[in-house]
Amino acid sequence: MGNITELKDLSKSEKLIMMEALWEDLSRDDNQVDSPDWHKTSLHETKKRLSSGEEKIIDWVEAKRQLRKRFNED
């Protein structure tokens, strides 16, 4: 396995690809990873914003487009 120095040399796009691959691998068996307490709180707050109309649902393609625009992906 490479080291952290090698990771620092990757572009944002390459890092995102690696993150997605890691997440996919970790999430194959969701019983192995416990969600932290803050996650339940965050989901509850999002649900409240959705119910009040403060939060809008968008599809994943649009969400990624907005995030890439916000963070100026390479």
Protein backbone atom coordinates (compact mmCIF):
# COMPACT_ATOMS: atom_id res chain seq x y z
CA MET A 1 0.00 0.00 0.00
CA GLY A 2 1.17 3.51 -0.80
CA ASN A 3 1.78 6.16 1.78
CA ILE A 4 0.16 9.49 2.62
CA THR A 5 2.75 11.43 0.62
CA GLU A 6 1.59 9.66 -2.54
CA LEU A 7 -2.03 10.57 -1.77
CA LYS A 8 -1.12 14.24 -1.47
CA ASP A 9 0.17 14.16 -5.04
CA LEU A 10 -3.18 13.05 -6.48
CA SER A 11 -5.58 15.49 -8.12
CA LYS A 12 -8.97 16.19 -6.54
CA SER A 13 -10.60 13.97 -9.16
CA GLU A 14 -8.27 11.08 -8.37
CA LYS A 15 -8.84 11.52 -4.63
CA LEU A 16 -12.62 11.48 -5.12
CA ILE A 17 -12.36 8.30 -7.18
CA MET A 18 -10.34 6.70 -4.38
CA MET A 19 -12.84 7.89 -1.75
CA GLU A 20 -15.75 6.45 -3.72
CA ALA A 21 -13.93 3.14 -4.10
CA LEU A 22 -13.14 3.03 -0.37
CA TRP A 23 -16.73 3.89 0.55
CA GLU A 24 -18.10 1.24 -1.79
CA ASP A 25 -15.82 -1.35 -0.22
CA LEU A 26 -16.67 -0.30 3.34
CA SER A 27 -20.41 -0.18 2.72
CA ARG A 28 -20.73 -3.67 1.25
CA ASP A 29 -21.57 -5.00 4.70
CA ASP A 30 -23.13 -2.17 6.66
CA ASN A 31 -23.36 -4.32 9.77
CA GLN A 32 -19.60 -4.08 10.20
CA VAL A 33 -19.57 -0.28 10.64
CA ASP A 34 -21.55 1.48 13.36
CA SER A 35 -22.79 4.95 12.54
CA PRO A 36 -21.58 7.58 14.98
CA ASP A 37 -24.13 9.35 17.21
CA TRP A 38 -23.71 12.64 15.34
CA HIS A 39 -24.96 10.95 12.17
CA LYS A 40 -28.39 10.21 13.67
CA THR A 41 -28.62 13.83 14.85
CA SER A 42 -27.64 15.13 11.43
CA LEU A 43 -30.22 12.94 9.69
CA HIS A 44 -32.92 14.11 12.10
CA GLU A 45 -32.02 17.77 11.43
CA THR A 46 -32.13 17.18 7.67
CA LYS A 47 -35.53 15.50 7.97
CA LYS A 48 -36.84 18.54 9.89
CA ARG A 49 -35.50 20.92 7.21
CA LEU A 50 -37.12 18.78 4.52
CA SER A 51 -40.47 18.80 6.33
CA SER A 52 -40.35 22.58 6.77
CA GLY A 53 -39.43 23.20 3.13
CA GLU A 54 -35.94 24.52 3.94
CA GLU A 55 -34.37 21.47 2.29
CA LYS A 56 -35.09 20.31 -1.24
CA ILE A 57 -34.57 16.83 -2.69
CA ILE A 58 -32.39 16.66 -5.79
CA ASP A 59 -31.13 13.62 -7.69
CA TRP A 60 -27.59 12.33 -7.25
CA VAL A 61 -26.37 13.55 -10.66
CA GLU A 62 -27.49 17.10 -9.85
CA ALA A 63 -26.03 16.90 -6.34
CA LYS A 64 -22.63 15.90 -7.73
CA ARG A 65 -22.81 18.69 -10.32
CA GLN A 66 -23.52 21.27 -7.63
CA LEU A 67 -20.74 19.97 -5.39
CA ARG A 68 -18.24 19.95 -8.23
CA LYS A 69 -19.21 23.52 -9.12
CA ARG A 70 -18.91 24.61 -5.48
CA PHE A 71 -15.52 22.98 -4.93
CA ASN A 72 -14.07 23.56 -8.42
CA GLU A 73 -13.14 19.96 -9.15
CA ASP A 74 -10.06 19.50 -11.33
